[in-house]
Amino acid sequence: MSLRARIRGGDQAAFGELFDECSKAVYNHAFRLTGNWSTAEDVMALTFLEAWRLRGKIDPEGGPLRPWLLGIATNVHRNLRRTARRHDDALARMPRGDVVPDFADEVVGRIDDAGRLAAVRAAYDGLRRQEQDVFALCVWAGLDYAQAAQALGIPVGTVRSRLSRARKKLAGAGEPPPAPRQSSGDRGPDKEEIR
């Protein structure tokens, strides 16, 4: 029985012989068509897959099967190009999305901020309670000396001295916090107000 007849009958060993005999020629043809070795491998694989599917159409009598395989490879390449063109056309019709921003710098900044905040919190926890109160009101809440003094029921000079001590203690934990806003009527502390 001829190789053609055996392949037509579904003989896998005969098809393996055909592959061994013609795969290099099919690959070279596909490479010349595509100019890309990876795509040529895809064309070759699809060619033999299609040849196996079409084996029942082989004329049992005839010459070599190489021309038949090269014809299949040409059609496979044409179909792949058409599919790629349709895919590219479909992508071109899709609305362009906004550029996705890179959040890496923001994440690094947040990690740095979290580290600084932890250091400040540790230093803040090391302050005396009265210094914490003044610091929280003047720096974090933004009250001026007079407002903080009113909130705590202590003289303005005491607020100033406690905040000064707190700022000195916290200076090692990062940059010193900004000075609070002052009201226009705030004079310096009297000596007896400092504790």
C-alpha atoms as a PDB file:
ATOM      1  CA  MET A   1       0.000   0.000   0.000  1.00  0.00           C
ATOM      2  CA  SER A   2       1.327   3.482  -0.887  1.00  0.00           C
ATOM      3  CA  LEU A   3       2.188   6.162   1.673  1.00  0.00           C
ATOM      4  CA  ARG A   4      -0.733   8.215   0.332  1.00  0.00           C
ATOM      5  CA  ALA A   5      -3.172   5.390   0.851  1.00  0.00           C
ATOM      6  CA  ARG A   6      -1.872   4.654   4.334  1.00  0.00           C
ATOM      7  CA  ILE A   7      -2.152   8.325   5.388  1.00  0.00           C
ATOM      8  CA  ARG A   8      -5.629   8.513   3.853  1.00  0.00           C
ATOM      9  CA  GLY A   9      -6.557   5.455   5.918  1.00  0.00           C
ATOM     10  CA  GLY A  10      -5.431   7.201   9.153  1.00  0.00           C
ATOM     11  CA  ASP A  11      -2.146   5.369   9.657  1.00  0.00           C
ATOM     12  CA  GLN A  12      -0.309   7.487  12.245  1.00  0.00           C
ATOM     13  CA  ALA A  13       3.057   5.868  11.525  1.00  0.00           C
ATOM     14  CA  ALA A  14       2.716   6.773   7.838  1.00  0.00           C
ATOM     15  CA  PHE A  15       1.842  10.354   8.801  1.00  0.00           C
ATOM     16  CA  GLY A  16       4.933  10.401  11.029  1.00  0.00           C
ATOM     17  CA  GLU A  17       7.006   9.368   8.009  1.00  0.00           C
ATOM     18  CA  LEU A  18       5.475  12.242   6.034  1.00  0.00           C
ATOM     19  CA  PHE A  19       6.355  14.650   8.831  1.00  0.00           C
ATOM     20  CA  ASP A  20       9.950  13.420   8.997  1.00  0.00           C
ATOM     21  CA  GLU A  21      10.267  13.679   5.240  1.00  0.00           C
ATOM     22  CA  CYS A  22       8.638  17.108   4.705  1.00  0.00           C
ATOM     23  CA  SER A  23       8.741  19.117   7.947  1.00  0.00           C
ATOM     24  CA  LYS A  24      11.995  20.880   7.088  1.00  0.00           C
ATOM     25  CA  ALA A  25      10.670  21.925   3.659  1.00  0.00           C
ATOM     26  CA  VAL A  26       7.397  23.147   5.192  1.00  0.00           C
ATOM     27  CA  TYR A  27       9.274  25.079   7.885  1.00  0.00           C
ATOM     28  CA  ASN A  28      11.623  26.705   5.340  1.00  0.00           C
ATOM     29  CA  HIS A  29       8.649  27.677   3.164  1.00  0.00           C
ATOM     30  CA  ALA A  30       6.833  29.123   6.199  1.00  0.00           C
ATOM     31  CA  PHE A  31       9.940  31.041   7.252  1.00  0.00           C
ATOM     32  CA  ARG A  32      10.262  32.576   3.793  1.00  0.00           C
ATOM     33  CA  LEU A  33       6.586  33.608   3.946  1.00  0.00           C
ATOM     34  CA  THR A  34       6.702  35.049   7.461  1.00  0.00           C
ATOM     35  CA  GLY A  35      10.291  36.153   8.031  1.00  0.00           C
ATOM     36  CA  ASN A  36       9.908  35.075  11.668  1.00  0.00           C
ATOM     37  CA  TRP A  37      11.125  31.736  12.996  1.00  0.00           C
ATOM     38  CA  SER A  38       8.510  31.586  15.747  1.00  0.00           C
ATOM     39  CA  THR A  39       5.638  32.290  13.380  1.00  0.00           C
ATOM     40  CA  ALA A  40       7.129  29.796  10.903  1.00  0.00           C
ATOM     41  CA  GLU A  41       7.003  27.122  13.615  1.00  0.00           C
ATOM     42  CA  ASP A  42       3.334  27.965  14.205  1.00  0.00           C
ATOM     43  CA  VAL A  43       2.604  27.752  10.470  1.00  0.00           C
ATOM     44  CA  MET A  44       4.397  24.401  10.244  1.00  0.00           C
ATOM     45  CA  ALA A  45       2.495  22.971  13.224  1.00  0.00           C
ATOM     46  CA  LEU A  46      -0.846  24.203  11.886  1.00  0.00           C
ATOM     47  CA  THR A  47       0.017  22.849   8.424  1.00  0.00           C
ATOM     48  CA  PHE A  48       0.478  19.308   9.711  1.00  0.00           C
ATOM     49  CA  LEU A  49      -2.588  19.603  11.911  1.00  0.00           C
ATOM     50  CA  GLU A  50      -4.619  20.682   8.893  1.00  0.00           C
ATOM     51  CA  ALA A  51      -3.034  17.947   6.750  1.00  0.00           C
ATOM     52  CA  TRP A  52      -4.140  15.338   9.274  1.00  0.00           C
ATOM     53  CA  ARG A  53      -7.644  16.799   9.253  1.00  0.00           C
ATOM     54  CA  LEU A  54      -7.741  16.763   5.416  1.00  0.00           C
ATOM     55  CA  ARG A  55      -6.115  13.326   5.007  1.00  0.00           C
ATOM     56  CA  GLY A  56      -9.349  11.814   3.712  1.00  0.00           C
ATOM     57  CA  LYS A  57      -9.191  14.058   0.626  1.00  0.00           C
ATOM     58  CA  ILE A  58      -5.800  12.739  -0.488  1.00  0.00           C
ATOM     59  CA  ASP A  59      -5.930  10.928  -3.815  1.00  0.00           C
ATOM     60  CA  PRO A  60      -4.604   7.417  -3.087  1.00  0.00           C
ATOM     61  CA  GLU A  61      -2.582   7.522  -6.315  1.00  0.00           C
ATOM     62  CA  GLY A  62      -0.130  10.239  -7.210  1.00  0.00           C
ATOM     63  CA  GLY A  63       3.294  11.656  -6.614  1.00  0.00           C
ATOM     64  CA  PRO A  64       4.930  13.158  -3.547  1.00  0.00           C
ATOM     65  CA  LEU A  65       2.844  14.939  -0.929  1.00  0.00           C
ATOM     66  CA  ARG A  66       5.286  17.810  -0.455  1.00  0.00           C
ATOM     67  CA  PRO A  67       3.460  20.160  -2.919  1.00  0.00           C
ATOM     68  CA  TRP A  68       0.169  19.409  -1.167  1.00  0.00           C
ATOM     69  CA  LEU A  69       1.713  20.291   2.228  1.00  0.00           C
ATOM     70  CA  LEU A  70       3.289  23.483   0.864  1.00  0.00           C
ATOM     71  CA  GLY A  71      -0.112  24.523  -0.506  1.00  0.00           C
ATOM     72  CA  ILE A  72      -1.647  23.937   2.929  1.00  0.00           C
ATOM     73  CA  ALA A  73       1.187  25.959   4.512  1.00  0.00           C
ATOM     74  CA  THR A  74       0.509  28.838   2.107  1.00  0.00           C
ATOM     75  CA  ASN A  75      -3.196  28.813   3.047  1.00  0.00           C
ATOM     76  CA  VAL A  76      -2.401  28.590   6.763  1.00  0.00           C
ATOM     77  CA  HIS A  77      -0.084  31.599   6.455  1.00  0.00           C
ATOM     78  CA  ARG A  78      -2.750  33.546   4.552  1.00  0.00           C
ATOM     79  CA  ASN A  79      -5.326  32.734   7.247  1.00  0.00           C
ATOM     80  CA  LEU A  80      -2.955  33.764  10.039  1.00  0.00           C
ATOM     81  CA  ARG A  81      -2.224  37.066   8.306  1.00  0.00           C
ATOM     82  CA  ARG A  82      -5.934  37.713   7.788  1.00  0.00           C
ATOM     83  CA  THR A  83      -6.631  36.909  11.451  1.00  0.00           C
ATOM     84  CA  ALA A  84      -3.823  39.208  12.591  1.00  0.00           C
ATOM     85  CA  ARG A  85      -5.088  42.002  10.321  1.00  0.00           C
ATOM     86  CA  ARG A  86      -8.629  41.620  11.686  1.00  0.00           C
ATOM     87  CA  HIS A  87      -7.283  41.655  15.225  1.00  0.00           C
ATOM     88  CA  ASP A  88      -5.255  44.817  14.543  1.00  0.00           C
ATOM     89  CA  ASP A  89      -8.283  46.460  12.906  1.00  0.00           C
ATOM     90  CA  ALA A  90     -10.466  45.573  15.893  1.00  0.00           C
ATOM     91  CA  LEU A  91      -7.891  47.030  18.262  1.00  0.00           C
ATOM     92  CA  ALA A  92      -7.683  50.197  16.165  1.00  0.00           C
ATOM     93  CA  ARG A  93     -11.471  50.654  16.440  1.00  0.00           C
ATOM     94  CA  MET A  94     -11.416  50.349  20.217  1.00  0.00           C
ATOM     95  CA  PRO A  95     -11.335  53.595  22.163  1.00  0.00           C
ATOM     96  CA  ARG A  96      -7.920  54.486  23.429  1.00  0.00           C
ATOM     97  CA  GLY A  97      -7.690  54.228  27.173  1.00  0.00           C
ATOM     98  CA  ASP A  98      -6.020  56.799  29.302  1.00  0.00           C
ATOM     99  CA  VAL A  99      -2.443  56.133  30.178  1.00  0.00           C
ATOM    100  CA  VAL A 100      -2.346  54.232  33.427  1.00  0.00           C
ATOM    101  CA  PRO A 101      -0.305  56.275  35.870  1.00  0.00           C
ATOM    102  CA  ASP A 102       2.657  54.698  37.588  1.00  0.00           C
ATOM    103  CA  PHE A 103       1.870  54.572  41.289  1.00  0.00           C
ATOM    104  CA  ALA A 104       5.304  53.290  42.319  1.00  0.00           C
ATOM    105  CA  ASP A 105       6.595  56.707  43.404  1.00  0.00           C
ATOM    106  CA  GLU A 106       3.425  57.379  45.370  1.00  0.00           C
ATOM    107  CA  VAL A 107       3.652  54.007  47.109  1.00  0.00           C
ATOM    108  CA  VAL A 108       7.302  54.621  48.001  1.00  0.00           C
ATOM    109  CA  GLY A 109       6.330  58.061  49.310  1.00  0.00           C
ATOM    110  CA  ARG A 110       3.579  56.564  51.435  1.00  0.00           C
ATOM    111  CA  ILE A 111       5.950  53.969  52.841  1.00  0.00           C
ATOM    112  CA  ASP A 112       8.446  56.725  53.663  1.00  0.00           C
ATOM    113  CA  ASP A 113       5.669  58.814  55.227  1.00  0.00           C
ATOM    114  CA  ALA A 114       4.495  55.851  57.295  1.00  0.00           C
ATOM    115  CA  GLY A 115       8.041  55.310  58.546  1.00  0.00           C
ATOM    116  CA  ARG A 116       8.439  58.983  59.457  1.00  0.00           C
ATOM    117  CA  LEU A 117       5.040  59.021  61.145  1.00  0.00           C
ATOM    118  CA  ALA A 118       5.969  55.958  63.200  1.00  0.00           C
ATOM    119  CA  ALA A 119       9.183  57.686  64.296  1.00  0.00           C
ATOM    120  CA  VAL A 120       7.297  60.870  65.190  1.00  0.00           C
ATOM    121  CA  ARG A 121       4.635  58.860  67.053  1.00  0.00           C
ATOM    122  CA  ALA A 122       7.342  57.072  69.044  1.00  0.00           C
ATOM    123  CA  ALA A 123       8.967  60.400  69.926  1.00  0.00           C
ATOM    124  CA  TYR A 124       5.551  61.935  70.692  1.00  0.00           C
ATOM    125  CA  ASP A 125       4.803  59.055  73.065  1.00  0.00           C
ATOM    126  CA  GLY A 126       8.047  59.923  74.874  1.00  0.00           C
ATOM    127  CA  LEU A 127       6.821  63.440  75.697  1.00  0.00           C
ATOM    128  CA  ARG A 128       5.226  64.295  79.018  1.00  0.00           C
ATOM    129  CA  ARG A 129       1.424  64.385  78.881  1.00  0.00           C
ATOM    130  CA  GLN A 130       1.318  68.205  79.203  1.00  0.00           C
ATOM    131  CA  GLU A 131       3.784  68.566  76.314  1.00  0.00           C
ATOM    132  CA  GLN A 132       1.713  66.132  74.218  1.00  0.00           C
ATOM    133  CA  ASP A 133      -1.419  68.188  74.846  1.00  0.00           C
ATOM    134  CA  VAL A 134       0.220  71.470  73.818  1.00  0.00           C
ATOM    135  CA  PHE A 135       1.916  69.888  70.805  1.00  0.00           C
ATOM    136  CA  ALA A 136      -1.300  68.265  69.599  1.00  0.00           C
ATOM    137  CA  LEU A 137      -3.286  71.504  69.907  1.00  0.00           C
ATOM    138  CA  CYS A 138      -0.694  73.885  68.442  1.00  0.00           C
ATOM    139  CA  VAL A 139       0.923  71.754  65.741  1.00  0.00           C
ATOM    140  CA  TRP A 140      -1.623  69.155  64.733  1.00  0.00           C
ATOM    141  CA  ALA A 141      -4.829  71.117  65.360  1.00  0.00           C
ATOM    142  CA  GLY A 142      -3.306  74.461  64.262  1.00  0.00           C
ATOM    143  CA  LEU A 143      -4.318  76.524  67.295  1.00  0.00           C
ATOM    144  CA  ASP A 144      -2.244  79.577  68.202  1.00  0.00           C
ATOM    145  CA  TYR A 145      -0.748  79.980  71.672  1.00  0.00           C
ATOM    146  CA  ALA A 146      -3.690  81.925  73.052  1.00  0.00           C
ATOM    147  CA  GLN A 147      -6.246  79.439  71.753  1.00  0.00           C
ATOM    148  CA  ALA A 148      -4.254  76.471  73.126  1.00  0.00           C
ATOM    149  CA  ALA A 149      -3.900  78.250  76.468  1.00  0.00           C
ATOM    150  CA  GLN A 150      -7.652  78.839  76.554  1.00  0.00           C
ATOM    151  CA  ALA A 151      -8.389  75.197  75.630  1.00  0.00           C
ATOM    152  CA  LEU A 152      -6.079  73.874  78.360  1.00  0.00           C
ATOM    153  CA  GLY A 153      -6.855  76.539  80.950  1.00  0.00           C
ATOM    154  CA  ILE A 154      -3.196  77.514  81.363  1.00  0.00           C
ATOM    155  CA  PRO A 155      -1.255  80.739  80.744  1.00  0.00           C
ATOM    156  CA  VAL A 156       0.042  81.525  77.244  1.00  0.00           C
ATOM    157  CA  GLY A 157       3.635  81.468  78.471  1.00  0.00           C
ATOM    158  CA  THR A 158       3.202  77.914  79.731  1.00  0.00           C
ATOM    159  CA  VAL A 159       1.968  76.867  76.271  1.00  0.00           C
ATOM    160  CA  ARG A 160       5.036  78.479  74.701  1.00  0.00           C
ATOM    161  CA  SER A 161       7.527  76.826  77.043  1.00  0.00           C
ATOM    162  CA  ARG A 162       5.904  73.380  76.825  1.00  0.00           C
ATOM    163  CA  LEU A 163       5.775  73.576  73.034  1.00  0.00           C
ATOM    164  CA  SER A 164       9.400  74.665  72.910  1.00  0.00           C
ATOM    165  CA  ARG A 165      10.458  71.671  75.034  1.00  0.00           C
ATOM    166  CA  ALA A 166       8.320  69.320  72.925  1.00  0.00           C
ATOM    167  CA  ARG A 167       9.840  70.639  69.683  1.00  0.00           C
ATOM    168  CA  LYS A 168      13.377  70.146  71.018  1.00  0.00           C
ATOM    169  CA  LYS A 169      12.596  66.556  72.045  1.00  0.00           C
ATOM    170  CA  LEU A 170      10.955  65.795  68.701  1.00  0.00           C
ATOM    171  CA  ALA A 171      13.721  67.349  66.601  1.00  0.00           C
ATOM    172  CA  GLY A 172      15.593  64.032  66.609  1.00  0.00           C
ATOM    173  CA  ALA A 173      12.601  62.188  65.132  1.00  0.00           C
ATOM    174  CA  GLY A 174      12.578  64.160  61.887  1.00  0.00           C
ATOM    175  CA  GLU A 175      12.138  67.728  60.883  1.00  0.00           C
ATOM    176  CA  PRO A 176      10.868  69.991  63.639  1.00  0.00           C
ATOM    177  CA  PRO A 177       7.208  70.854  63.309  1.00  0.00           C
ATOM    178  CA  PRO A 178       6.320  74.340  62.119  1.00  0.00           C
ATOM    179  CA  ALA A 179       5.716  77.096  64.641  1.00  0.00           C
ATOM    180  CA  PRO A 180       2.059  77.793  65.406  1.00  0.00           C
ATOM    181  CA  ARG A 181       0.237  80.897  64.204  1.00  0.00           C
ATOM    182  CA  GLN A 182       0.220  83.747  66.691  1.00  0.00           C
ATOM    183  CA  SER A 183      -2.580  86.123  67.448  1.00  0.00           C
ATOM    184  CA  SER A 184      -1.737  89.812  67.238  1.00  0.00           C
ATOM    185  CA  GLY A 185      -2.204  90.395  70.959  1.00  0.00           C
ATOM    186  CA  ASP A 186       0.223  87.676  72.023  1.00  0.00           C
ATOM    187  CA  ARG A 187       3.140  89.123  73.889  1.00  0.00           C
ATOM    188  CA  GLY A 188       5.981  87.103  75.244  1.00  0.00           C
ATOM    189  CA  PRO A 189       5.475  85.298  78.562  1.00  0.00           C
ATOM    190  CA  ASP A 190       5.954  86.966  81.882  1.00  0.00           C
ATOM    191  CA  LYS A 191       8.628  85.334  83.980  1.00  0.00           C
ATOM    192  CA  GLU A 192       6.134  84.076  86.553  1.00  0.00           C
ATOM    193  CA  GLU A 193       4.059  82.334  83.829  1.00  0.00           C
ATOM    194  CA  ILE A 194       6.852  79.955  82.808  1.00  0.00           C
ATOM    195  CA  ARG A 195       6.725  76.628  84.588  1.00  0.00           C
END
